[in-house]
Amino acid sequence: MITYVSHIGYTYDWPKKKLSLKKTQFELYFKKKKLINDNCKKPFLRKNFKFHDIVFYKNKNWNFGLELINYKKNFQNQNVNTINNHKTANLDLVKINKLKKLYLNSSNVLSDYKLFKNMNFLLNIKFKKNTFYGNLPNFKRKKTQLVVKKNINKTKIYLDDLGFNFISFFSTNIKDDLKRIKKKEINYISKIFKLKINNNILRLVLIRTSGDIIIELIEKR
C-alpha cells in the first residue's frame, strides 16, 4: 500500500555549485558520496555511471524531503518539470522555500491518470482535458498539489538529466503494489534492489509510466 511521499528527486551538481540555505527553512538531513548505482537503474540513466552523490534536505514548509543527486555528468536536457512554476534546471532554494505546486509532464496523460488513481499516488484526483491533478499523500496531512499536464515536446527524462526528475513514495509492501499495476499503464519497471542509508536497509523499485514519468517506490526493512 502507498502511504505517503518520501521525497522528490532533483539532479544537480551540488558538490561544485554550493547552495545557500540563508533566507530558507531548508536544513541538511544527511549527505552521502559515492553511492553505487545498482544495475537496475541502467534503463533510467543516459549513461552508465558507477556512482552518484546525494544530499538530503528537510524543510518545515514542505511535507516531504528534497533529495539532490549528482552524477559524474549531469546532462543539460530540456527538463520541463517545474516547482512552483520555477524552471528546475536553475535551482534557487529561496523560490521553492514554500512549496505550492509541483508540475510534471506526461506524453500519455490519460494512462498516467489511471495509474495514479489506481495506485493512490494522488488524493482527490481530478481529470480535465489534457491535465490531471490532486494532493500528494503525506504524514503531515498538509495539502501539496501535483499537476500533471501534456508534454507537447514528448521529451523523455532520465535520472541524470538536470532538474526535477522523479517522485518517491513509501510503500508498505512493494511486491503487492507492483501486482496492482497494469502492464498497459507503464513502459518499464526495474527489478527490486536494495540500498543502505544511515544504517537502514531500503528496498527500492523504479517505474517509468507510459507517459514517461519516473516514480520510485521505497520499502523500509
C-alpha atoms as a PDB file:
ATOM      1  CA  MET A   1       0.000   0.000   0.000  1.00  0.00           C
ATOM      2  CA  ILE A   2       1.222   3.508  -0.814  1.00  0.00           C
ATOM      3  CA  THR A   3       1.374   5.531   2.416  1.00  0.00           C
ATOM      4  CA  TYR A   4       2.899   8.931   1.646  1.00  0.00           C
ATOM      5  CA  VAL A   5       5.583  10.770  -0.309  1.00  0.00           C
ATOM      6  CA  SER A   6       9.165  10.312   0.872  1.00  0.00           C
ATOM      7  CA  HIS A   7      10.813  12.994  -1.270  1.00  0.00           C
ATOM      8  CA  ILE A   8      11.269  14.420  -4.729  1.00  0.00           C
ATOM      9  CA  GLY A   9      14.450  13.759  -6.681  1.00  0.00           C
ATOM     10  CA  TYR A  10      16.377  16.633  -8.216  1.00  0.00           C
ATOM     11  CA  THR A  11      19.609  16.204 -10.206  1.00  0.00           C
ATOM     12  CA  TYR A  12      22.083  18.995  -9.555  1.00  0.00           C
ATOM     13  CA  ASP A  13      25.856  19.416  -9.323  1.00  0.00           C
ATOM     14  CA  TRP A  14      25.724  20.315  -5.631  1.00  0.00           C
ATOM     15  CA  PRO A  15      29.395  19.454  -4.820  1.00  0.00           C
ATOM     16  CA  LYS A  16      30.574  22.254  -7.156  1.00  0.00           C
ATOM     17  CA  LYS A  17      27.637  24.664  -7.083  1.00  0.00           C
ATOM     18  CA  LYS A  18      27.274  25.456  -3.422  1.00  0.00           C
ATOM     19  CA  LEU A  19      23.768  26.361  -2.318  1.00  0.00           C
ATOM     20  CA  SER A  20      22.967  28.960   0.301  1.00  0.00           C
ATOM     21  CA  LEU A  21      20.357  27.985   2.888  1.00  0.00           C
ATOM     22  CA  LYS A  22      20.006  31.579   4.066  1.00  0.00           C
ATOM     23  CA  LYS A  23      16.502  33.039   3.880  1.00  0.00           C
ATOM     24  CA  THR A  24      15.091  29.489   3.691  1.00  0.00           C
ATOM     25  CA  GLN A  25      13.909  26.823   6.131  1.00  0.00           C
ATOM     26  CA  PHE A  26      15.897  24.079   4.407  1.00  0.00           C
ATOM     27  CA  GLU A  27      18.058  22.042   6.792  1.00  0.00           C
ATOM     28  CA  LEU A  28      20.646  19.405   5.931  1.00  0.00           C
ATOM     29  CA  TYR A  29      19.438  15.947   6.974  1.00  0.00           C
ATOM     30  CA  PHE A  30      22.259  13.816   5.591  1.00  0.00           C
ATOM     31  CA  LYS A  31      24.879  13.643   2.851  1.00  0.00           C
ATOM     32  CA  LYS A  32      26.358  10.587   1.107  1.00  0.00           C
ATOM     33  CA  LYS A  33      29.041  10.351  -1.553  1.00  0.00           C
ATOM     34  CA  LYS A  34      29.956   7.575  -3.973  1.00  0.00           C
ATOM     35  CA  LEU A  35      26.805   5.504  -3.564  1.00  0.00           C
ATOM     36  CA  ILE A  36      26.921   2.629  -6.044  1.00  0.00           C
ATOM     37  CA  ASN A  37      24.375   2.736  -8.846  1.00  0.00           C
ATOM     38  CA  ASP A  38      22.641  -0.609  -8.953  1.00  0.00           C
ATOM     39  CA  ASN A  39      22.418  -2.245 -12.377  1.00  0.00           C
ATOM     40  CA  CYS A  40      18.631  -1.975 -12.096  1.00  0.00           C
ATOM     41  CA  LYS A  41      18.987   1.784 -12.663  1.00  0.00           C
ATOM     42  CA  LYS A  42      20.626   1.435 -16.097  1.00  0.00           C
ATOM     43  CA  PRO A  43      17.421   1.895 -18.171  1.00  0.00           C
ATOM     44  CA  PHE A  44      16.767   5.130 -16.257  1.00  0.00           C
ATOM     45  CA  LEU A  45      20.181   6.692 -16.953  1.00  0.00           C
ATOM     46  CA  ARG A  46      21.518   8.213 -20.145  1.00  0.00           C
ATOM     47  CA  LYS A  47      24.979   6.936 -19.247  1.00  0.00           C
ATOM     48  CA  ASN A  48      26.009   4.032 -17.054  1.00  0.00           C
ATOM     49  CA  PHE A  49      27.668   5.805 -14.129  1.00  0.00           C
ATOM     50  CA  LYS A  50      29.130   3.676 -11.347  1.00  0.00           C
ATOM     51  CA  PHE A  51      28.428   6.143  -8.523  1.00  0.00           C
ATOM     52  CA  HIS A  52      26.222   9.021  -7.507  1.00  0.00           C
ATOM     53  CA  ASP A  53      26.269  11.503  -4.606  1.00  0.00           C
ATOM     54  CA  ILE A  54      23.240  12.671  -2.670  1.00  0.00           C
ATOM     55  CA  VAL A  55      22.380  15.385  -0.188  1.00  0.00           C
ATOM     56  CA  PHE A  56      19.013  15.304   1.557  1.00  0.00           C
ATOM     57  CA  TYR A  57      17.219  18.374   2.898  1.00  0.00           C
ATOM     58  CA  LYS A  58      14.166  18.811   5.082  1.00  0.00           C
ATOM     59  CA  ASN A  59      12.044  21.929   5.273  1.00  0.00           C
ATOM     60  CA  LYS A  60       9.244  22.712   7.749  1.00  0.00           C
ATOM     61  CA  ASN A  61       7.280  24.269   4.885  1.00  0.00           C
ATOM     62  CA  TRP A  62       7.433  21.014   2.910  1.00  0.00           C
ATOM     63  CA  ASN A  63       5.525  17.825   3.587  1.00  0.00           C
ATOM     64  CA  PHE A  64       8.433  15.639   2.415  1.00  0.00           C
ATOM     65  CA  GLY A  65      12.150  15.770   1.633  1.00  0.00           C
ATOM     66  CA  LEU A  66      14.246  17.237  -1.184  1.00  0.00           C
ATOM     67  CA  GLU A  67      16.980  14.934  -2.461  1.00  0.00           C
ATOM     68  CA  LEU A  68      19.703  16.451  -4.638  1.00  0.00           C
ATOM     69  CA  ILE A  69      21.567  13.888  -6.727  1.00  0.00           C
ATOM     70  CA  ASN A  70      24.826  14.392  -8.539  1.00  0.00           C
ATOM     71  CA  TYR A  71      26.269  12.082 -11.192  1.00  0.00           C
ATOM     72  CA  LYS A  72      29.698  12.286 -12.794  1.00  0.00           C
ATOM     73  CA  LYS A  73      27.944  14.183 -15.554  1.00  0.00           C
ATOM     74  CA  ASN A  74      24.527  15.819 -15.295  1.00  0.00           C
ATOM     75  CA  PHE A  75      23.049  16.139 -18.771  1.00  0.00           C
ATOM     76  CA  GLN A  76      21.665  19.533 -19.760  1.00  0.00           C
ATOM     77  CA  ASN A  77      18.489  18.393 -21.475  1.00  0.00           C
ATOM     78  CA  GLN A  78      15.190  20.185 -21.687  1.00  0.00           C
ATOM     79  CA  ASN A  79      13.513  19.370 -18.390  1.00  0.00           C
ATOM     80  CA  VAL A  80      10.012  20.843 -18.471  1.00  0.00           C
ATOM     81  CA  ASN A  81       9.027  19.771 -14.943  1.00  0.00           C
ATOM     82  CA  THR A  82       8.689  22.683 -12.537  1.00  0.00           C
ATOM     83  CA  ILE A  83       8.384  23.506  -8.830  1.00  0.00           C
ATOM     84  CA  ASN A  84       6.119  26.497  -8.099  1.00  0.00           C
ATOM     85  CA  ASN A  85       6.304  27.172 -11.862  1.00  0.00           C
ATOM     86  CA  HIS A  86      10.043  27.703 -11.380  1.00  0.00           C
ATOM     87  CA  LYS A  87      12.213  26.053 -14.043  1.00  0.00           C
ATOM     88  CA  THR A  88      14.125  23.404 -12.181  1.00  0.00           C
ATOM     89  CA  ALA A  89      17.289  23.460 -14.305  1.00  0.00           C
ATOM     90  CA  ASN A  90      18.157  26.645 -12.385  1.00  0.00           C
ATOM     91  CA  LEU A  91      17.912  25.742  -8.710  1.00  0.00           C
ATOM     92  CA  ASP A  92      17.000  28.574  -6.345  1.00  0.00           C
ATOM     93  CA  LEU A  93      16.091  27.387  -2.844  1.00  0.00           C
ATOM     94  CA  VAL A  94      14.522  30.741  -1.961  1.00  0.00           C
ATOM     95  CA  LYS A  95      11.976  30.418  -4.793  1.00  0.00           C
ATOM     96  CA  ILE A  96      10.959  26.921  -3.685  1.00  0.00           C
ATOM     97  CA  ASN A  97      11.230  27.505   0.086  1.00  0.00           C
ATOM     98  CA  LYS A  98       7.442  27.483   0.411  1.00  0.00           C
ATOM     99  CA  LEU A  99       6.137  24.648  -1.709  1.00  0.00           C
ATOM    100  CA  LYS A 100       2.882  25.413  -3.505  1.00  0.00           C
ATOM    101  CA  LYS A 101       2.653  23.158  -6.550  1.00  0.00           C
ATOM    102  CA  LEU A 102       4.687  20.567  -8.383  1.00  0.00           C
ATOM    103  CA  TYR A 103       4.302  20.163 -12.130  1.00  0.00           C
ATOM    104  CA  LEU A 104       5.145  17.012 -14.087  1.00  0.00           C
ATOM    105  CA  ASN A 105       4.774  16.441 -17.814  1.00  0.00           C
ATOM    106  CA  SER A 106       3.387  13.312 -19.428  1.00  0.00           C
ATOM    107  CA  SER A 107       3.253  12.125 -23.024  1.00  0.00           C
ATOM    108  CA  ASN A 108       0.221   9.966 -22.155  1.00  0.00           C
ATOM    109  CA  VAL A 109      -1.894  11.896 -19.664  1.00  0.00           C
ATOM    110  CA  LEU A 110      -4.953   9.616 -19.663  1.00  0.00           C
ATOM    111  CA  SER A 111      -2.939   6.461 -18.997  1.00  0.00           C
ATOM    112  CA  ASP A 112      -0.945   8.147 -16.229  1.00  0.00           C
ATOM    113  CA  TYR A 113      -4.164   9.445 -14.696  1.00  0.00           C
ATOM    114  CA  LYS A 114      -5.489   5.880 -14.454  1.00  0.00           C
ATOM    115  CA  LEU A 115      -2.210   4.681 -12.909  1.00  0.00           C
ATOM    116  CA  PHE A 116      -2.043   7.488 -10.325  1.00  0.00           C
ATOM    117  CA  LYS A 117      -5.675   6.920  -9.406  1.00  0.00           C
ATOM    118  CA  ASN A 118      -5.323   3.132  -9.163  1.00  0.00           C
ATOM    119  CA  MET A 119      -2.162   3.338  -7.040  1.00  0.00           C
ATOM    120  CA  ASN A 120      -3.402   6.180  -4.805  1.00  0.00           C
ATOM    121  CA  PHE A 121      -0.419   8.335  -5.740  1.00  0.00           C
ATOM    122  CA  LEU A 122      -2.773  11.323  -5.504  1.00  0.00           C
ATOM    123  CA  LEU A 123      -5.710  12.134  -3.253  1.00  0.00           C
ATOM    124  CA  ASN A 124      -8.865  13.796  -4.582  1.00  0.00           C
ATOM    125  CA  ILE A 125      -7.561  13.277  -8.097  1.00  0.00           C
ATOM    126  CA  LYS A 126      -9.362  15.015 -10.964  1.00  0.00           C
ATOM    127  CA  PHE A 127      -9.009  14.880 -14.743  1.00  0.00           C
ATOM    128  CA  LYS A 128      -9.604  17.863 -17.012  1.00  0.00           C
ATOM    129  CA  LYS A 129      -8.795  17.830 -20.724  1.00  0.00           C
ATOM    130  CA  ASN A 130      -5.050  17.110 -21.070  1.00  0.00           C
ATOM    131  CA  THR A 131      -4.333  17.575 -17.366  1.00  0.00           C
ATOM    132  CA  PHE A 132      -4.946  15.824 -14.065  1.00  0.00           C
ATOM    133  CA  TYR A 133      -4.194  16.999 -10.546  1.00  0.00           C
ATOM    134  CA  GLY A 134      -4.587  16.086  -6.911  1.00  0.00           C
ATOM    135  CA  ASN A 135      -2.963  16.260  -3.483  1.00  0.00           C
ATOM    136  CA  LEU A 136       0.133  14.242  -2.661  1.00  0.00           C
ATOM    137  CA  PRO A 137      -0.343  11.937   0.351  1.00  0.00           C
ATOM    138  CA  ASN A 138       1.804  12.925   3.326  1.00  0.00           C
ATOM    139  CA  PHE A 139       2.015  12.172   7.035  1.00  0.00           C
ATOM    140  CA  LYS A 140       1.572  15.850   7.997  1.00  0.00           C
ATOM    141  CA  ARG A 141      -1.794  15.897   6.221  1.00  0.00           C
ATOM    142  CA  LYS A 142      -0.978  19.220   4.615  1.00  0.00           C
ATOM    143  CA  LYS A 143      -2.014  19.807   1.030  1.00  0.00           C
ATOM    144  CA  THR A 144       0.629  19.845  -1.677  1.00  0.00           C
ATOM    145  CA  GLN A 145      -0.821  19.745  -5.165  1.00  0.00           C
ATOM    146  CA  LEU A 146       0.735  17.863  -8.060  1.00  0.00           C
ATOM    147  CA  VAL A 147      -0.338  18.851 -11.566  1.00  0.00           C
ATOM    148  CA  VAL A 148       0.398  16.531 -14.492  1.00  0.00           C
ATOM    149  CA  LYS A 149      -0.028  18.070 -17.917  1.00  0.00           C
ATOM    150  CA  LYS A 150       0.507  17.117 -21.544  1.00  0.00           C
ATOM    151  CA  ASN A 151       4.136  17.075 -22.631  1.00  0.00           C
ATOM    152  CA  ILE A 152       3.897  18.650 -26.077  1.00  0.00           C
ATOM    153  CA  ASN A 153       7.573  18.041 -26.873  1.00  0.00           C
ATOM    154  CA  LYS A 154       7.362  14.415 -25.663  1.00  0.00           C
ATOM    155  CA  THR A 155      10.737  14.863 -24.008  1.00  0.00           C
ATOM    156  CA  LYS A 156      11.938  11.689 -22.290  1.00  0.00           C
ATOM    157  CA  ILE A 157      13.540  12.338 -18.907  1.00  0.00           C
ATOM    158  CA  TYR A 158      16.333  10.325 -17.303  1.00  0.00           C
ATOM    159  CA  LEU A 159      17.671  10.367 -13.755  1.00  0.00           C
ATOM    160  CA  ASP A 160      20.925  12.030 -14.802  1.00  0.00           C
ATOM    161  CA  ASP A 161      19.134  14.920 -16.519  1.00  0.00           C
ATOM    162  CA  LEU A 162      19.483  18.233 -14.724  1.00  0.00           C
ATOM    163  CA  GLY A 163      16.401  19.219 -12.731  1.00  0.00           C
ATOM    164  CA  PHE A 164      13.327  17.728 -11.008  1.00  0.00           C
ATOM    165  CA  ASN A 165      13.080  14.170 -12.328  1.00  0.00           C
ATOM    166  CA  PHE A 166      11.033  11.901 -10.044  1.00  0.00           C
ATOM    167  CA  ILE A 167       8.769  11.478  -7.028  1.00  0.00           C
ATOM    168  CA  SER A 168       9.448   8.849  -4.375  1.00  0.00           C
ATOM    169  CA  PHE A 169       6.641   7.153  -2.419  1.00  0.00           C
ATOM    170  CA  PHE A 170       6.793   4.939   0.668  1.00  0.00           C
ATOM    171  CA  SER A 171       5.224   1.508   0.239  1.00  0.00           C
ATOM    172  CA  THR A 172       4.310  -0.982   2.970  1.00  0.00           C
ATOM    173  CA  ASN A 173       4.858  -3.854   0.524  1.00  0.00           C
ATOM    174  CA  ILE A 174       6.461  -3.226  -2.869  1.00  0.00           C
ATOM    175  CA  LYS A 175       5.636  -6.663  -4.296  1.00  0.00           C
ATOM    176  CA  ASP A 176       1.947  -6.251  -3.520  1.00  0.00           C
ATOM    177  CA  ASP A 177       1.891  -2.752  -5.005  1.00  0.00           C
ATOM    178  CA  LEU A 178       3.584  -3.905  -8.216  1.00  0.00           C
ATOM    179  CA  LYS A 179       0.860  -6.537  -8.670  1.00  0.00           C
ATOM    180  CA  ARG A 180      -1.700  -3.735  -8.861  1.00  0.00           C
ATOM    181  CA  ILE A 181      -0.006  -2.029 -11.807  1.00  0.00           C
ATOM    182  CA  LYS A 182      -1.467  -2.772 -15.224  1.00  0.00           C
ATOM    183  CA  LYS A 183       1.075  -3.505 -17.963  1.00  0.00           C
ATOM    184  CA  LYS A 184      -0.517  -1.047 -20.390  1.00  0.00           C
ATOM    185  CA  GLU A 185       0.000   1.781 -17.854  1.00  0.00           C
ATOM    186  CA  ILE A 186       3.792   1.504 -17.677  1.00  0.00           C
ATOM    187  CA  ASN A 187       6.767   1.462 -20.035  1.00  0.00           C
ATOM    188  CA  TYR A 188       9.245  -0.192 -17.712  1.00  0.00           C
ATOM    189  CA  ILE A 189       9.616  -1.466 -14.146  1.00  0.00           C
ATOM    190  CA  SER A 190      13.036  -2.218 -12.696  1.00  0.00           C
ATOM    191  CA  LYS A 191      13.801  -5.199 -10.531  1.00  0.00           C
ATOM    192  CA  ILE A 192      13.672  -4.582  -6.790  1.00  0.00           C
ATOM    193  CA  PHE A 193      17.068  -3.592  -5.419  1.00  0.00           C
ATOM    194  CA  LYS A 194      18.496  -2.631  -2.024  1.00  0.00           C
ATOM    195  CA  LEU A 195      20.211   0.484  -0.726  1.00  0.00           C
ATOM    196  CA  LYS A 196      21.693   1.153   2.703  1.00  0.00           C
ATOM    197  CA  ILE A 197      21.185   4.692   4.027  1.00  0.00           C
ATOM    198  CA  ASN A 198      22.012   5.712   7.601  1.00  0.00           C
ATOM    199  CA  ASN A 199      22.050   2.071   8.772  1.00  0.00           C
ATOM    200  CA  ASN A 200      18.609   1.490   7.230  1.00  0.00           C
ATOM    201  CA  ILE A 201      18.159  -1.150   4.551  1.00  0.00           C
ATOM    202  CA  LEU A 202      15.728   0.092   1.916  1.00  0.00           C
ATOM    203  CA  ARG A 203      14.123  -1.885  -0.880  1.00  0.00           C
ATOM    204  CA  LEU A 204      13.524   0.197  -3.989  1.00  0.00           C
ATOM    205  CA  VAL A 205      11.954  -0.100  -7.405  1.00  0.00           C
ATOM    206  CA  LEU A 206      11.858   2.388 -10.281  1.00  0.00           C
ATOM    207  CA  ILE A 207       8.863   2.780 -12.590  1.00  0.00           C
ATOM    208  CA  ARG A 208       8.625   4.583 -15.912  1.00  0.00           C
ATOM    209  CA  THR A 209       4.979   5.228 -16.704  1.00  0.00           C
ATOM    210  CA  SER A 210       3.524   5.062 -20.204  1.00  0.00           C
ATOM    211  CA  GLY A 211       3.744   8.874 -20.195  1.00  0.00           C
ATOM    212  CA  ASP A 212       7.458   8.676 -19.226  1.00  0.00           C
ATOM    213  CA  ILE A 213       7.070   9.907 -15.643  1.00  0.00           C
ATOM    214  CA  ILE A 214       9.619   8.335 -13.297  1.00  0.00           C
ATOM    215  CA  ILE A 215       8.351   7.090  -9.932  1.00  0.00           C
ATOM    216  CA  GLU A 216      10.314   5.455  -7.129  1.00  0.00           C
ATOM    217  CA  LEU A 217       8.809   3.168  -4.500  1.00  0.00           C
ATOM    218  CA  ILE A 218      10.614   2.655  -1.178  1.00  0.00           C
ATOM    219  CA  GLU A 219      10.006  -0.043   1.411  1.00  0.00           C
ATOM    220  CA  LYS A 220      11.737   0.117   4.769  1.00  0.00           C
ATOM    221  CA  ARG A 221      13.049  -3.171   6.118  1.00  0.00           C
END
